[in-house]
Amino acid sequence: MVHVGALPGTPRSSLPLTQIIDQACQEAEAYRDAGVDGLMVENMHDVPYTVRPGPEVTAAMAVLAAALRQSCPRIPLGVQVLCAANQQAIAIALAAGLDFIRAEGFVFSHVADEGIINACAGDLLRYRKHIGADNIQIFADIKKKHSAHALTADVSVAQTAGAAQLFLADGVVLTGTATGHPADPQQLQEVKHAVKIPVLVGSGVTLENVRDYLDADALIIGSYFKKEGYWANAVDPDRVKKFMEHISKLRE
């Protein structure tokens, strides 16, 4: 995960966009040099998030994503725009030559800390078709972190994943309850048995627990790769390198 600095117009914005881009490229190159298999860029410092991020955020993320694509041209690269700005993410990915997006609120409704998020699959896939972006994959969160799921308490995580598959997601993302909190390994097995599309684990993976998630098709790691394991800190290349060396041994 490349967590870009607070973008123009957001409450904590303090740096010029050129400096934010430089920092993001440095992080991406550190990840690349440590041997990660892919990267995703996200505007996580734009707290508090809104369900209607302005056009300035979309514009900044497009310029930033294009710089990352140029900096790391040979590895898969994706984008997420908080909160639930999935059409904007598709547009950014198309403009910048990215490979995938991570989408919130793909199926079913939930109550997030930003408010009620409703399902978007129908509109999102039609938008992707409309702008000629069918090559951009959509990885959809299920039972998303930082959210209450009382509205869908009678729908299991496996059933949610099945609905995402039915609605043509290219993969699903399983998380814990909050950033840095591990996903339930039992739920990983349930989801793997429920769908035929890729299942990604999207939070809480560490060097110590990675064996619990080896059945996942991909691991999205942010917090653990940062200094002291905290998402808002800078990337710690030593932590990334040590983790990737461990993964390489497990793959043998």
Protein backbone atom coordinates (compact mmCIF):
# COMPACT_ATOMS: atom_id res chain seq x y z
CA MET A 1 0.00 0.00 0.00
CA VAL A 2 1.16 3.49 -0.91
CA HIS A 3 -0.73 5.85 1.40
CA VAL A 4 -0.34 9.26 -0.24
CA GLY A 5 -0.14 12.44 1.81
CA ALA A 6 -3.26 14.53 2.45
CA LEU A 7 -4.39 15.86 -0.91
CA PRO A 8 -5.30 19.47 -1.78
CA GLY A 9 -8.59 20.57 -0.28
CA THR A 10 -8.64 17.99 2.53
CA PRO A 11 -8.44 19.04 6.22
CA ARG A 12 -4.85 17.93 6.83
CA SER A 13 -3.45 19.09 3.50
CA SER A 14 -0.17 20.95 3.98
CA LEU A 15 2.21 19.88 1.21
CA PRO A 16 2.27 20.88 -2.46
CA LEU A 17 1.13 18.14 -4.81
CA THR A 18 4.61 17.86 -6.33
CA GLN A 19 6.05 16.90 -2.94
CA ILE A 20 3.24 14.42 -2.29
CA ILE A 21 3.98 12.80 -5.65
CA ASP A 22 7.72 12.62 -4.92
CA GLN A 23 7.09 10.95 -1.55
CA ALA A 24 4.66 8.45 -3.07
CA CYS A 25 7.14 7.52 -5.80
CA GLN A 26 9.88 7.01 -3.22
CA GLU A 27 7.61 4.66 -1.25
CA ALA A 28 6.63 2.77 -4.39
CA GLU A 29 10.26 2.32 -5.39
CA ALA A 30 11.14 1.06 -1.92
CA TYR A 31 8.40 -1.55 -2.21
CA ARG A 32 9.47 -2.47 -5.74
CA ASP A 33 13.10 -2.86 -4.73
CA ALA A 34 12.07 -5.14 -1.85
CA GLY A 35 10.33 -7.46 -4.29
CA VAL A 36 6.60 -6.91 -3.76
CA ASP A 37 4.36 -8.41 -6.43
CA GLY A 38 2.13 -5.35 -6.90
CA LEU A 39 1.18 -1.95 -5.52
CA MET A 40 -1.96 -0.03 -4.69
CA VAL A 41 -2.23 3.72 -4.06
CA GLU A 42 -4.81 5.13 -1.66
CA ASN A 43 -5.68 8.57 -0.26
CA MET A 44 -5.80 7.34 3.33
CA HIS A 45 -4.50 10.60 4.81
CA ASP A 46 -7.56 12.50 3.55
CA VAL A 47 -9.39 12.08 6.87
CA PRO A 48 -12.19 12.62 7.58
CA TYR A 49 -13.43 10.89 4.45
CA THR A 50 -16.50 11.92 2.52
CA VAL A 51 -18.78 9.93 0.25
CA ARG A 52 -18.45 12.78 -2.24
CA PRO A 53 -14.73 13.58 -2.67
CA GLY A 54 -14.28 16.62 -4.85
CA PRO A 55 -12.92 16.76 -8.39
CA GLU A 56 -9.65 18.09 -7.00
CA VAL A 57 -9.07 14.71 -5.33
CA THR A 58 -9.76 12.80 -8.54
CA ALA A 59 -7.46 15.11 -10.50
CA ALA A 60 -4.65 14.84 -7.96
CA MET A 61 -4.93 11.05 -7.74
CA ALA A 62 -4.83 10.75 -11.53
CA VAL A 63 -1.62 12.79 -11.78
CA LEU A 64 -0.13 10.90 -8.85
CA ALA A 65 -1.12 7.48 -10.24
CA ALA A 66 0.41 8.34 -13.60
CA ALA A 67 3.69 9.23 -11.88
CA LEU A 68 3.66 5.91 -10.01
CA ARG A 69 2.98 4.03 -13.25
CA GLN A 70 6.00 5.71 -14.84
CA SER A 71 8.13 5.00 -11.76
CA CYS A 72 7.08 1.33 -11.55
CA PRO A 73 6.09 0.31 -15.08
CA ARG A 74 6.45 -3.46 -14.77
CA ILE A 75 4.38 -4.46 -11.76
CA PRO A 76 0.59 -4.52 -11.27
CA LEU A 77 -0.69 -1.21 -9.95
CA GLY A 78 -4.11 -0.30 -8.58
CA VAL A 79 -5.97 2.50 -6.85
CA GLN A 80 -8.59 3.06 -4.18
CA VAL A 81 -10.26 6.42 -3.61
CA LEU A 82 -11.82 6.93 -0.18
CA CYS A 83 -14.60 6.87 0.54
CA ALA A 84 -16.33 4.55 -1.94
CA ALA A 85 -15.41 6.78 -4.91
CA ASN A 86 -15.33 3.77 -7.18
CA GLN A 87 -16.27 5.42 -10.47
CA GLN A 88 -13.58 8.02 -9.85
CA ALA A 89 -11.11 5.20 -9.22
CA ILE A 90 -12.03 3.54 -12.53
CA ALA A 91 -11.52 6.85 -14.34
CA ILE A 92 -8.14 7.36 -12.64
CA ALA A 93 -7.04 3.83 -13.49
CA LEU A 94 -7.98 4.30 -17.14
CA ALA A 95 -6.23 7.66 -17.41
CA ALA A 96 -3.06 6.49 -15.65
CA GLY A 97 -2.77 3.03 -17.18
CA LEU A 98 -3.41 1.10 -13.96
CA ASP A 99 -4.54 -2.50 -13.67
CA PHE A 100 -7.20 -2.63 -10.96
CA ILE A 101 -9.22 -0.78 -8.35
CA ARG A 102 -10.35 -1.70 -4.86
CA ALA A 103 -14.05 -0.95 -4.44
CA GLU A 104 -16.08 -0.33 -1.30
CA GLY A 105 -19.82 -0.97 -1.18
CA PHE A 106 -19.92 -3.23 -4.23
CA VAL A 107 -22.82 -5.35 -2.97
CA PHE A 108 -25.27 -4.86 -0.09
CA SER A 109 -25.49 -1.78 2.11
CA HIS A 110 -23.55 -1.07 5.28
CA VAL A 111 -23.09 1.74 7.77
CA ALA A 112 -19.56 3.10 7.62
CA ASP A 113 -18.03 5.86 9.69
CA GLU A 114 -18.72 8.12 6.69
CA GLY A 115 -22.44 7.20 6.67
CA ILE A 116 -24.58 4.70 4.81
CA ILE A 117 -22.85 3.15 1.79
CA ASN A 118 -25.12 1.51 -0.76
CA ALA A 119 -24.31 -1.15 -3.34
CA CYS A 120 -22.75 0.18 -6.54
CA ALA A 121 -22.04 -2.86 -8.71
CA GLY A 122 -24.69 -2.17 -11.34
CA ASP A 123 -23.74 1.45 -11.90
CA LEU A 124 -20.00 0.81 -11.57
CA LEU A 125 -19.82 -1.94 -14.18
CA ARG A 126 -21.96 0.04 -16.57
CA TYR A 127 -19.64 3.01 -16.12
CA ARG A 128 -16.60 0.80 -16.71
CA LYS A 129 -18.18 -0.45 -19.94
CA HIS A 130 -19.20 3.07 -20.99
CA ILE A 131 -15.67 4.49 -20.78
CA GLY A 132 -13.99 1.45 -22.34
CA ALA A 133 -12.20 0.30 -19.19
CA ASP A 134 -13.13 -3.40 -19.21
CA ASN A 135 -9.45 -4.30 -18.78
CA ILE A 136 -9.41 -2.74 -15.30
CA GLN A 137 -10.20 -5.33 -12.65
CA ILE A 138 -12.44 -4.62 -9.65
CA PHE A 139 -11.58 -6.17 -6.29
CA ALA A 140 -14.54 -5.68 -3.97
CA ASP A 141 -14.49 -5.46 -0.18
CA ILE A 142 -16.95 -7.73 1.63
CA LYS A 143 -18.13 -6.95 5.17
CA LYS A 144 -15.82 -3.95 5.03
CA LYS A 145 -13.74 -2.80 8.01
CA HIS A 146 -14.64 0.36 9.95
CA SER A 147 -18.29 -0.46 9.37
CA ALA A 148 -21.39 -1.85 11.08
CA HIS A 149 -23.10 -4.69 9.28
CA ALA A 150 -26.31 -4.95 11.29
CA LEU A 151 -28.26 -4.24 8.10
CA THR A 152 -26.94 -7.49 6.66
CA ALA A 153 -26.56 -9.50 9.86
CA ASP A 154 -28.50 -12.37 8.29
CA VAL A 155 -26.09 -12.49 5.31
CA SER A 156 -22.84 -14.35 5.99
CA VAL A 157 -19.49 -13.22 4.70
CA ALA A 158 -19.48 -16.20 2.33
CA GLN A 159 -22.91 -15.22 0.99
CA THR A 160 -21.69 -11.65 0.54
CA ALA A 161 -18.72 -12.92 -1.44
CA GLY A 162 -21.06 -15.07 -3.52
CA ALA A 163 -23.17 -12.01 -4.31
CA ALA A 164 -20.06 -10.10 -5.37
CA GLN A 165 -19.12 -12.97 -7.68
CA LEU A 166 -22.64 -13.03 -9.15
CA PHE A 167 -22.39 -9.28 -9.75
CA LEU A 168 -19.16 -9.81 -11.71
CA ALA A 169 -16.46 -8.69 -9.29
CA ASP A 170 -13.02 -9.81 -10.43
CA GLY A 171 -12.07 -10.67 -6.85
CA VAL A 172 -13.15 -10.09 -3.25
CA VAL A 173 -11.29 -8.58 -0.30
CA LEU A 174 -11.69 -9.97 3.21
CA THR A 175 -10.63 -7.74 6.12
CA GLY A 176 -10.65 -7.46 9.87
CA THR A 177 -12.77 -4.93 11.72
CA ALA A 178 -10.32 -2.02 11.39
CA THR A 179 -7.05 -0.97 9.77
CA GLY A 180 -4.29 -3.27 10.92
CA HIS A 181 -6.71 -5.76 12.50
CA PRO A 182 -6.31 -9.30 11.17
CA ALA A 183 -8.99 -11.03 9.16
CA ASP A 184 -10.53 -14.21 10.55
CA PRO A 185 -8.71 -17.21 9.02
CA GLN A 186 -11.90 -19.27 9.32
CA GLN A 187 -13.76 -16.70 7.26
CA LEU A 188 -11.02 -16.94 4.65
CA GLN A 189 -11.71 -20.65 4.29
CA GLU A 190 -15.46 -20.04 4.10
CA VAL A 191 -15.08 -17.46 1.37
CA LYS A 192 -12.57 -19.57 -0.57
CA HIS A 193 -15.09 -22.41 -0.65
CA ALA A 194 -17.93 -20.08 -1.63
CA VAL A 195 -16.43 -18.44 -4.73
CA LYS A 196 -14.26 -19.24 -7.71
CA ILE A 197 -12.83 -15.73 -8.13
CA PRO A 198 -9.64 -14.59 -6.34
CA VAL A 199 -9.89 -13.94 -2.60
CA LEU A 200 -7.58 -11.27 -1.17
CA VAL A 201 -6.87 -10.58 2.51
CA GLY A 202 -6.93 -6.84 3.06
CA SER A 203 -5.85 -6.06 6.61
CA GLY A 204 -3.76 -7.19 9.54
CA VAL A 205 -1.25 -9.47 7.82
CA THR A 206 2.11 -9.62 9.60
CA LEU A 207 5.26 -11.69 9.50
CA GLU A 208 3.98 -13.56 12.54
CA ASN A 209 0.55 -14.53 11.21
CA VAL A 210 1.09 -14.79 7.47
CA ARG A 211 0.89 -18.59 7.59
CA ASP A 212 -2.80 -18.21 8.49
CA TYR A 213 -3.44 -16.60 5.11
CA LEU A 214 -1.42 -18.68 2.67
CA ASP A 215 -4.63 -19.89 1.02
CA ALA A 216 -5.45 -16.33 -0.04
CA ASP A 217 -4.78 -15.40 -3.65
CA ALA A 218 -3.15 -12.12 -2.60
CA LEU A 219 -2.31 -10.14 0.53
CA ILE A 220 -2.80 -6.39 0.76
CA ILE A 221 -0.32 -5.11 3.34
CA GLY A 222 -0.09 -1.56 4.60
CA SER A 223 0.38 -1.18 8.34
CA TYR A 224 2.96 -3.92 8.84
CA PHE A 225 5.25 -2.46 6.18
CA LYS A 226 5.40 0.91 7.92
CA LYS A 227 7.76 1.94 10.72
CA GLU A 228 6.58 0.47 14.03
CA GLY A 229 3.75 -1.21 12.14
CA TYR A 230 1.58 1.92 12.07
CA TRP A 231 -0.12 2.84 8.80
CA ALA A 232 0.54 6.60 8.96
CA ASN A 233 4.32 6.20 9.28
CA ALA A 234 6.81 6.01 6.45
CA VAL A 235 7.64 2.71 4.78
CA ASP A 236 10.27 0.64 6.56
CA PRO A 237 12.26 -1.06 3.77
CA ASP A 238 13.81 -3.53 6.23
CA ARG A 239 10.38 -4.76 7.33
CA VAL A 240 9.29 -5.14 3.72
CA LYS A 241 12.47 -6.98 2.73
CA LYS A 242 12.31 -9.33 5.72
CA PHE A 243 8.66 -10.14 5.00
CA MET A 244 9.28 -10.79 1.30
CA GLU A 245 12.26 -13.03 2.08
CA HIS A 246 10.02 -15.02 4.44
CA ILE A 247 7.31 -15.29 1.79
CA SER A 248 9.84 -16.45 -0.79
CA LYS A 249 10.84 -19.33 1.50
CA LEU A 250 7.21 -20.30 2.08
CA ARG A 251 6.63 -20.37 -1.69
CA GLU A 252 9.45 -22.85 -2.24
